[in-house]
Amino acid sequence: LNVDVSDVASASLGTATIISGQSAVTVQTTAVTNKSKVFLTPITKYSDPLSVGSQSANTSFTVELPAAATKNVKFNWWIVN
């Protein structure tokens, strides 16, 4: 799990990183539901867009890039239910 979450597992906001060479990361949080809106704000300047690939209720969500990252891509996330 390539994630640097600065908040507790039930948090509705935090920070995570897609590691260089990877194209996705799974963020573990019980705050997410199937109807949650997950907002992503890149901290690292990067030309490819970040997108939420999937959400598993009360478990996690996945953030994806269209291709493998050429450097670590750090971003903030925020869940609104």
PDB file of N, CA and C in Angstrom:
ATOM      1  N   LEU A   1       0.855  -1.183   0.000  1.00  0.00           N
ATOM      2  CA  LEU A   1       0.000   0.000   0.000  1.00  0.00           C
ATOM      3  C   LEU A   1       0.889   1.229   0.000  1.00  0.00           C
ATOM      4  N   ASN A   2       0.880   1.951  -1.091  1.00  0.00           N
ATOM      5  CA  ASN A   2       1.707   3.147  -1.230  1.00  0.00           C
ATOM      6  C   ASN A   2       0.895   4.376  -0.876  1.00  0.00           C
ATOM      7  N   VAL A   3       0.705   4.578   0.410  1.00  0.00           N
ATOM      8  CA  VAL A   3      -0.122   5.709   0.829  1.00  0.00           C
ATOM      9  C   VAL A   3       0.457   6.340   2.082  1.00  0.00           C
ATOM     10  N   ASP A   4       0.393   7.654   2.115  1.00  0.00           N
ATOM     11  CA  ASP A   4       0.831   8.414   3.268  1.00  0.00           C
ATOM     12  C   ASP A   4      -0.376   9.188   3.752  1.00  0.00           C
ATOM     13  N   VAL A   5      -1.172   8.584   4.603  1.00  0.00           N
ATOM     14  CA  VAL A   5      -2.395   9.210   5.095  1.00  0.00           C
ATOM     15  C   VAL A   5      -2.086   9.871   6.422  1.00  0.00           C
ATOM     16  N   SER A   6      -2.358  11.163   6.479  1.00  0.00           N
ATOM     17  CA  SER A   6      -2.015  11.908   7.684  1.00  0.00           C
ATOM     18  C   SER A   6      -3.134  11.915   8.717  1.00  0.00           C
ATOM     19  N   ASP A   7      -4.249  11.263   8.432  1.00  0.00           N
ATOM     20  CA  ASP A   7      -5.368  11.258   9.355  1.00  0.00           C
ATOM     21  C   ASP A   7      -5.735   9.828   9.734  1.00  0.00           C
ATOM     22  N   VAL A   8      -6.624   9.686  10.695  1.00  0.00           N
ATOM     23  CA  VAL A   8      -7.058   8.373  11.148  1.00  0.00           C
ATOM     24  C   VAL A   8      -7.888   7.673  10.078  1.00  0.00           C
ATOM     25  N   ALA A   9      -8.097   6.367  10.218  1.00  0.00           N
ATOM     26  CA  ALA A   9      -8.763   5.555   9.211  1.00  0.00           C
ATOM     27  C   ALA A   9     -10.189   6.006   8.894  1.00  0.00           C
ATOM     28  N   SER A  10     -10.862   6.660   9.832  1.00  0.00           N
ATOM     29  CA  SER A  10     -12.235   7.101   9.586  1.00  0.00           C
ATOM     30  C   SER A  10     -12.310   8.547   9.092  1.00  0.00           C
ATOM     31  N   ALA A  11     -11.175   9.133   8.775  1.00  0.00           N
ATOM     32  CA  ALA A  11     -11.131  10.537   8.367  1.00  0.00           C
ATOM     33  C   ALA A  11     -11.829  10.768   7.041  1.00  0.00           C
ATOM     34  N   SER A  12     -12.357  11.976   6.873  1.00  0.00           N
ATOM     35  CA  SER A  12     -12.973  12.341   5.609  1.00  0.00           C
ATOM     36  C   SER A  12     -12.074  13.256   4.788  1.00  0.00           C
ATOM     37  N   LEU A  13     -10.858  13.475   5.257  1.00  0.00           N
ATOM     38  CA  LEU A  13      -9.863  14.193   4.470  1.00  0.00           C
ATOM     39  C   LEU A  13      -8.476  13.720   4.861  1.00  0.00           C
ATOM     40  N   GLY A  14      -7.552  13.901   3.944  1.00  0.00           N
ATOM     41  CA  GLY A  14      -6.196  13.443   4.210  1.00  0.00           C
ATOM     42  C   GLY A  14      -5.275  13.719   3.049  1.00  0.00           C
ATOM     43  N   THR A  15      -4.098  13.144   3.097  1.00  0.00           N
ATOM     44  CA  THR A  15      -3.065  13.301   2.085  1.00  0.00           C
ATOM     45  C   THR A  15      -2.569  11.914   1.697  1.00  0.00           C
ATOM     46  N   ALA A  16      -2.314  11.707   0.417  1.00  0.00           N
ATOM     47  CA  ALA A  16      -1.797  10.431  -0.061  1.00  0.00           C
ATOM     48  C   ALA A  16      -0.807  10.687  -1.189  1.00  0.00           C
ATOM     49  N   THR A  17      -0.063   9.650  -1.571  1.00  0.00           N
ATOM     50  CA  THR A  17       0.958   9.772  -2.609  1.00  0.00           C
ATOM     51  C   THR A  17       0.897   8.571  -3.538  1.00  0.00           C
ATOM     52  N   ILE A  18       0.888   8.854  -4.843  1.00  0.00           N
ATOM     53  CA  ILE A  18       1.107   7.801  -5.830  1.00  0.00           C
ATOM     54  C   ILE A  18       2.612   7.766  -6.059  1.00  0.00           C
ATOM     55  N   ILE A  19       3.209   6.641  -5.786  1.00  0.00           N
ATOM     56  CA  ILE A  19       4.657   6.489  -5.845  1.00  0.00           C
ATOM     57  C   ILE A  19       5.129   6.409  -7.300  1.00  0.00           C
ATOM     58  N   SER A  20       6.293   6.982  -7.574  1.00  0.00           N
ATOM     59  CA  SER A  20       6.895   6.931  -8.903  1.00  0.00           C
ATOM     60  C   SER A  20       6.912   5.497  -9.431  1.00  0.00           C
ATOM     61  N   GLY A  21       6.492   5.317 -10.676  1.00  0.00           N
ATOM     62  CA  GLY A  21       6.432   3.998 -11.282  1.00  0.00           C
ATOM     63  C   GLY A  21       5.079   3.321 -11.130  1.00  0.00           C
ATOM     64  N   GLN A  22       4.228   3.847 -10.259  1.00  0.00           N
ATOM     65  CA  GLN A  22       2.876   3.308 -10.040  1.00  0.00           C
ATOM     66  C   GLN A  22       1.859   4.203 -10.757  1.00  0.00           C
ATOM     67  N   SER A  23       0.675   3.666 -11.031  1.00  0.00           N
ATOM     68  CA  SER A  23      -0.361   4.481 -11.667  1.00  0.00           C
ATOM     69  C   SER A  23      -1.597   4.638 -10.786  1.00  0.00           C
ATOM     70  N   ALA A  24      -1.556   4.078  -9.566  1.00  0.00           N
ATOM     71  CA  ALA A  24      -2.711   4.171  -8.678  1.00  0.00           C
ATOM     72  C   ALA A  24      -2.292   3.966  -7.231  1.00  0.00           C
ATOM     73  N   VAL A  25      -3.182   4.386  -6.342  1.00  0.00           N
ATOM     74  CA  VAL A  25      -3.008   4.151  -4.913  1.00  0.00           C
ATOM     75  C   VAL A  25      -4.394   3.949  -4.304  1.00  0.00           C
ATOM     76  N   THR A  26      -4.488   3.078  -3.322  1.00  0.00           N
ATOM     77  CA  THR A  26      -5.734   2.852  -2.602  1.00  0.00           C
ATOM     78  C   THR A  26      -5.642   3.535  -1.242  1.00  0.00           C
ATOM     79  N   VAL A  27      -6.620   4.367  -0.958  1.00  0.00           N
ATOM     80  CA  VAL A  27      -6.678   5.091   0.310  1.00  0.00           C
ATOM     81  C   VAL A  27      -7.696   4.385   1.191  1.00  0.00           C
ATOM     82  N   GLN A  28      -7.262   3.909   2.338  1.00  0.00           N
ATOM     83  CA  GLN A  28      -8.130   3.217   3.282  1.00  0.00           C
ATOM     84  C   GLN A  28      -8.843   4.231   4.179  1.00  0.00           C
ATOM     85  N   THR A  29     -10.164   4.237   4.160  1.00  0.00           N
ATOM     86  CA  THR A  29     -10.951   5.076   5.053  1.00  0.00           C
ATOM     87  C   THR A  29     -12.374   4.549   5.126  1.00  0.00           C
ATOM     88  N   THR A  30     -12.919   4.507   6.320  1.00  0.00           N
ATOM     89  CA  THR A  30     -14.298   4.068   6.495  1.00  0.00           C
ATOM     90  C   THR A  30     -15.286   5.197   6.211  1.00  0.00           C
ATOM     91  N   ALA A  31     -14.802   6.399   5.932  1.00  0.00           N
ATOM     92  CA  ALA A  31     -15.670   7.544   5.670  1.00  0.00           C
ATOM     93  C   ALA A  31     -16.325   7.485   4.292  1.00  0.00           C
ATOM     94  N   VAL A  32     -15.812   6.666   3.391  1.00  0.00           N
ATOM     95  CA  VAL A  32     -16.327   6.626   2.020  1.00  0.00           C
ATOM     96  C   VAL A  32     -17.543   5.703   1.914  1.00  0.00           C
ATOM     97  N   THR A  33     -18.517   6.117   1.089  1.00  0.00           N
ATOM     98  CA  THR A  33     -19.677   5.289   0.775  1.00  0.00           C
ATOM     99  C   THR A  33     -19.757   5.173  -0.748  1.00  0.00           C
ATOM    100  N   ASN A  34     -20.722   4.404  -1.237  1.00  0.00           N
ATOM    101  CA  ASN A  34     -20.894   4.284  -2.687  1.00  0.00           C
ATOM    102  C   ASN A  34     -21.405   5.577  -3.316  1.00  0.00           C
ATOM    103  N   LYS A  35     -21.972   6.461  -2.498  1.00  0.00           N
ATOM    104  CA  LYS A  35     -22.506   7.723  -3.006  1.00  0.00           C
ATOM    105  C   LYS A  35     -21.619   8.922  -2.675  1.00  0.00           C
ATOM    106  N   SER A  36     -20.495   8.704  -2.029  1.00  0.00           N
ATOM    107  CA  SER A  36     -19.587   9.792  -1.660  1.00  0.00           C
ATOM    108  C   SER A  36     -19.047  10.508  -2.887  1.00  0.00           C
ATOM    109  N   LYS A  37     -18.804  11.783  -2.717  1.00  0.00           N
ATOM    110  CA  LYS A  37     -18.061  12.562  -3.701  1.00  0.00           C
ATOM    111  C   LYS A  37     -16.654  12.716  -3.129  1.00  0.00           C
ATOM    112  N   VAL A  38     -15.658  12.299  -3.903  1.00  0.00           N
ATOM    113  CA  VAL A  38     -14.272  12.384  -3.457  1.00  0.00           C
ATOM    114  C   VAL A  38     -13.576  13.446  -4.305  1.00  0.00           C
ATOM    115  N   PHE A  39     -13.059  14.474  -3.641  1.00  0.00           N
ATOM    116  CA  PHE A  39     -12.382  15.573  -4.310  1.00  0.00           C
ATOM    117  C   PHE A  39     -10.877  15.421  -4.117  1.00  0.00           C
ATOM    118  N   LEU A  40     -10.129  15.633  -5.193  1.00  0.00           N
ATOM    119  CA  LEU A  40      -8.673  15.478  -5.177  1.00  0.00           C
ATOM    120  C   LEU A  40      -8.012  16.792  -5.560  1.00  0.00           C
ATOM    121  N   THR A  41      -6.982  17.177  -4.801  1.00  0.00           N
ATOM    122  CA  THR A  41      -6.220  18.375  -5.101  1.00  0.00           C
ATOM    123  C   THR A  41      -4.737  18.022  -5.108  1.00  0.00           C
ATOM    124  N   PRO A  42      -4.103  18.036  -6.279  1.00  0.00           N
ATOM    125  CA  PRO A  42      -2.676  17.715  -6.335  1.00  0.00           C
ATOM    126  C   PRO A  42      -1.837  18.733  -5.559  1.00  0.00           C
ATOM    127  N   ILE A  43      -0.846  18.240  -4.853  1.00  0.00           N
ATOM    128  CA  ILE A  43       0.138  19.093  -4.189  1.00  0.00           C
ATOM    129  C   ILE A  43       1.382  19.170  -5.074  1.00  0.00           C
ATOM    130  N   THR A  44       1.720  18.031  -5.675  1.00  0.00           N
ATOM    131  CA  THR A  44       2.845  17.950  -6.604  1.00  0.00           C
ATOM    132  C   THR A  44       2.379  18.424  -7.973  1.00  0.00           C
ATOM    133  N   LYS A  45       3.164  19.296  -8.615  1.00  0.00           N
ATOM    134  CA  LYS A  45       2.834  19.710  -9.976  1.00  0.00           C
ATOM    135  C   LYS A  45       3.051  18.516 -10.896  1.00  0.00           C
ATOM    136  N   TYR A  46       1.980  18.168 -11.628  1.00  0.00           N
ATOM    137  CA  TYR A  46       2.038  16.997 -12.496  1.00  0.00           C
ATOM    138  C   TYR A  46       1.060  17.212 -13.640  1.00  0.00           C
ATOM    139  N   SER A  47       1.434  16.873 -14.860  1.00  0.00           N
ATOM    140  CA  SER A  47       0.603  17.188 -16.030  1.00  0.00           C
ATOM    141  C   SER A  47      -0.586  16.255 -16.215  1.00  0.00           C
ATOM    142  N   ASP A  48      -0.494  14.992 -15.770  1.00  0.00           N
ATOM    143  CA  ASP A  48      -1.608  14.062 -15.932  1.00  0.00           C
ATOM    144  C   ASP A  48      -2.661  14.277 -14.841  1.00  0.00           C
ATOM    145  N   PRO A  49      -3.940  14.107 -15.190  1.00  0.00           N
ATOM    146  CA  PRO A  49      -5.008  14.294 -14.203  1.00  0.00           C
ATOM    147  C   PRO A  49      -5.144  13.104 -13.257  1.00  0.00           C
ATOM    148  N   LEU A  50      -5.529  13.397 -12.032  1.00  0.00           N
ATOM    149  CA  LEU A  50      -5.871  12.371 -11.049  1.00  0.00           C
ATOM    150  C   LEU A  50      -7.367  12.095 -11.155  1.00  0.00           C
ATOM    151  N   SER A  51      -7.765  10.847 -10.980  1.00  0.00           N
ATOM    152  CA  SER A  51      -9.191  10.527 -10.974  1.00  0.00           C
ATOM    153  C   SER A  51      -9.469   9.423  -9.961  1.00  0.00           C
ATOM    154  N   VAL A  52     -10.705   9.420  -9.465  1.00  0.00           N
ATOM    155  CA  VAL A  52     -11.129   8.357  -8.553  1.00  0.00           C
ATOM    156  C   VAL A  52     -11.562   7.182  -9.420  1.00  0.00           C
ATOM    157  N   GLY A  53     -10.893   6.049  -9.240  1.00  0.00           N
ATOM    158  CA  GLY A  53     -11.178   4.878 -10.062  1.00  0.00           C
ATOM    159  C   GLY A  53     -12.293   4.020  -9.510  1.00  0.00           C
ATOM    160  N   SER A  54     -12.330   3.846  -8.199  1.00  0.00           N
ATOM    161  CA  SER A  54     -13.368   3.026  -7.583  1.00  0.00           C
ATOM    162  C   SER A  54     -13.531   3.421  -6.121  1.00  0.00           C
ATOM    163  N   GLN A  55     -14.687   3.080  -5.576  1.00  0.00           N
ATOM    164  CA  GLN A  55     -14.999   3.327  -4.173  1.00  0.00           C
ATOM    165  C   GLN A  55     -15.598   2.064  -3.591  1.00  0.00           C
ATOM    166  N   SER A  56     -15.109   1.649  -2.445  1.00  0.00           N
ATOM    167  CA  SER A  56     -15.671   0.507  -1.725  1.00  0.00           C
ATOM    168  C   SER A  56     -16.225   1.031  -0.413  1.00  0.00           C
ATOM    169  N   ALA A  57     -17.525   0.950  -0.241  1.00  0.00           N
ATOM    170  CA  ALA A  57     -18.197   1.517   0.926  1.00  0.00           C
ATOM    171  C   ALA A  57     -17.556   1.059   2.231  1.00  0.00           C
ATOM    172  N   ASN A  58     -17.305   2.021   3.106  1.00  0.00           N
ATOM    173  CA  ASN A  58     -16.749   1.812   4.441  1.00  0.00           C
ATOM    174  C   ASN A  58     -15.353   1.190   4.442  1.00  0.00           C
ATOM    175  N   THR A  59     -14.677   1.201   3.301  1.00  0.00           N
ATOM    176  CA  THR A  59     -13.369   0.560   3.217  1.00  0.00           C
ATOM    177  C   THR A  59     -12.295   1.450   2.613  1.00  0.00           C
ATOM    178  N   SER A  60     -12.479   1.857   1.337  1.00  0.00           N
ATOM    179  CA  SER A  60     -11.403   2.552   0.636  1.00  0.00           C
ATOM    180  C   SER A  60     -11.893   3.158  -0.676  1.00  0.00           C
ATOM    181  N   PHE A  61     -11.018   3.957  -1.284  1.00  0.00           N
ATOM    182  CA  PHE A  61     -11.217   4.416  -2.650  1.00  0.00           C
ATOM    183  C   PHE A  61      -9.856   4.399  -3.343  1.00  0.00           C
ATOM    184  N   THR A  62      -9.882   4.316  -4.673  1.00  0.00           N
ATOM    185  CA  THR A  62      -8.650   4.254  -5.448  1.00  0.00           C
ATOM    186  C   THR A  62      -8.499   5.519  -6.273  1.00  0.00           C
ATOM    187  N   VAL A  63      -7.287   6.054  -6.289  1.00  0.00           N
ATOM    188  CA  VAL A  63      -6.962   7.220  -7.105  1.00  0.00           C
ATOM    189  C   VAL A  63      -6.015   6.757  -8.196  1.00  0.00           C
ATOM    190  N   GLU A  64      -6.309   7.158  -9.442  1.00  0.00           N
ATOM    191  CA  GLU A  64      -5.546   6.675 -10.582  1.00  0.00           C
ATOM    192  C   GLU A  64      -4.991   7.802 -11.442  1.00  0.00           C
ATOM    193  N   LEU A  65      -3.910   7.481 -12.121  1.00  0.00           N
ATOM    194  CA  LEU A  65      -3.340   8.306 -13.181  1.00  0.00           C
ATOM    195  C   LEU A  65      -3.516   7.541 -14.487  1.00  0.00           C
ATOM    196  N   PRO A  66      -3.530   8.223 -15.642  1.00  0.00           N
ATOM    197  CA  PRO A  66      -3.674   7.503 -16.907  1.00  0.00           C
ATOM    198  C   PRO A  66      -2.457   6.633 -17.253  1.00  0.00           C
ATOM    199  N   ALA A  67      -1.299   6.935 -16.675  1.00  0.00           N
ATOM    200  CA  ALA A  67      -0.066   6.164 -16.916  1.00  0.00           C
ATOM    201  C   ALA A  67       0.771   6.202 -15.644  1.00  0.00           C
ATOM    202  N   ALA A  68       1.776   5.358 -15.578  1.00  0.00           N
ATOM    203  CA  ALA A  68       2.654   5.305 -14.398  1.00  0.00           C
ATOM    204  C   ALA A  68       3.287   6.677 -14.141  1.00  0.00           C
ATOM    205  N   ALA A  69       3.336   7.056 -12.885  1.00  0.00           N
ATOM    206  CA  ALA A  69       3.920   8.343 -12.487  1.00  0.00           C
ATOM    207  C   ALA A  69       5.425   8.343 -12.731  1.00  0.00           C
ATOM    208  N   THR A  70       5.936   9.471 -13.198  1.00  0.00           N
ATOM    209  CA  THR A  70       7.379   9.610 -13.418  1.00  0.00           C
ATOM    210  C   THR A  70       8.084  10.172 -12.184  1.00  0.00           C
ATOM    211  N   LYS A  71       7.288  10.583 -11.199  1.00  0.00           N
ATOM    212  CA  LYS A  71       7.801  11.027  -9.893  1.00  0.00           C
ATOM    213  C   LYS A  71       6.689  10.810  -8.887  1.00  0.00           C
ATOM    214  N   ASN A  72       6.981  10.908  -7.607  1.00  0.00           N
ATOM    215  CA  ASN A  72       5.939  10.787  -6.587  1.00  0.00           C
ATOM    216  C   ASN A  72       4.925  11.917  -6.770  1.00  0.00           C
ATOM    217  N   VAL A  73       3.647  11.564  -6.759  1.00  0.00           N
ATOM    218  CA  VAL A  73       2.578  12.548  -6.932  1.00  0.00           C
ATOM    219  C   VAL A  73       1.754  12.586  -5.646  1.00  0.00           C
ATOM    220  N   LYS A  74       1.947  13.653  -4.876  1.00  0.00           N
ATOM    221  CA  LYS A  74       1.251  13.828  -3.605  1.00  0.00           C
ATOM    222  C   LYS A  74      -0.016  14.646  -3.832  1.00  0.00           C
ATOM    223  N   PHE A  75      -1.105  14.269  -3.139  1.00  0.00           N
ATOM    224  CA  PHE A  75      -2.369  14.983  -3.296  1.00  0.00           C
ATOM    225  C   PHE A  75      -3.157  14.961  -1.993  1.00  0.00           C
ATOM    226  N   ASN A  76      -4.031  15.948  -1.855  1.00  0.00           N
ATOM    227  CA  ASN A  76      -4.988  15.987  -0.757  1.00  0.00           C
ATOM    228  C   ASN A  76      -6.287  15.392  -1.261  1.00  0.00           C
ATOM    229  N   TRP A  77      -7.038  14.748  -0.361  1.00  0.00           N
ATOM    230  CA  TRP A  77      -8.353  14.210  -0.714  1.00  0.00           C
ATOM    231  C   TRP A  77      -9.353  14.628   0.340  1.00  0.00           C
ATOM    232  N   TRP A  78     -10.612  14.759  -0.110  1.00  0.00           N
ATOM    233  CA  TRP A  78     -11.691  15.193   0.758  1.00  0.00           C
ATOM    234  C   TRP A  78     -12.960  14.439   0.348  1.00  0.00           C
ATOM    235  N   ILE A  79     -13.616  13.820   1.297  1.00  0.00           N
ATOM    236  CA  ILE A  79     -14.838  13.062   1.039  1.00  0.00           C
ATOM    237  C   ILE A  79     -16.032  13.842   1.561  1.00  0.00           C
ATOM    238  N   VAL A  80     -17.047  13.995   0.693  1.00  0.00           N
ATOM    239  CA  VAL A  80     -18.293  14.633   1.082  1.00  0.00           C
ATOM    240  C   VAL A  80     -19.401  13.610   0.878  1.00  0.00           C
ATOM    241  N   ASN A  81     -20.187  13.394   1.930  1.00  0.00           N
ATOM    242  CA  ASN A  81     -21.303  12.441   1.843  1.00  0.00           C
ATOM    243  C   ASN A  81     -22.631  13.172   1.839  1.00  0.00           C
TER     244      ASN A  81
END
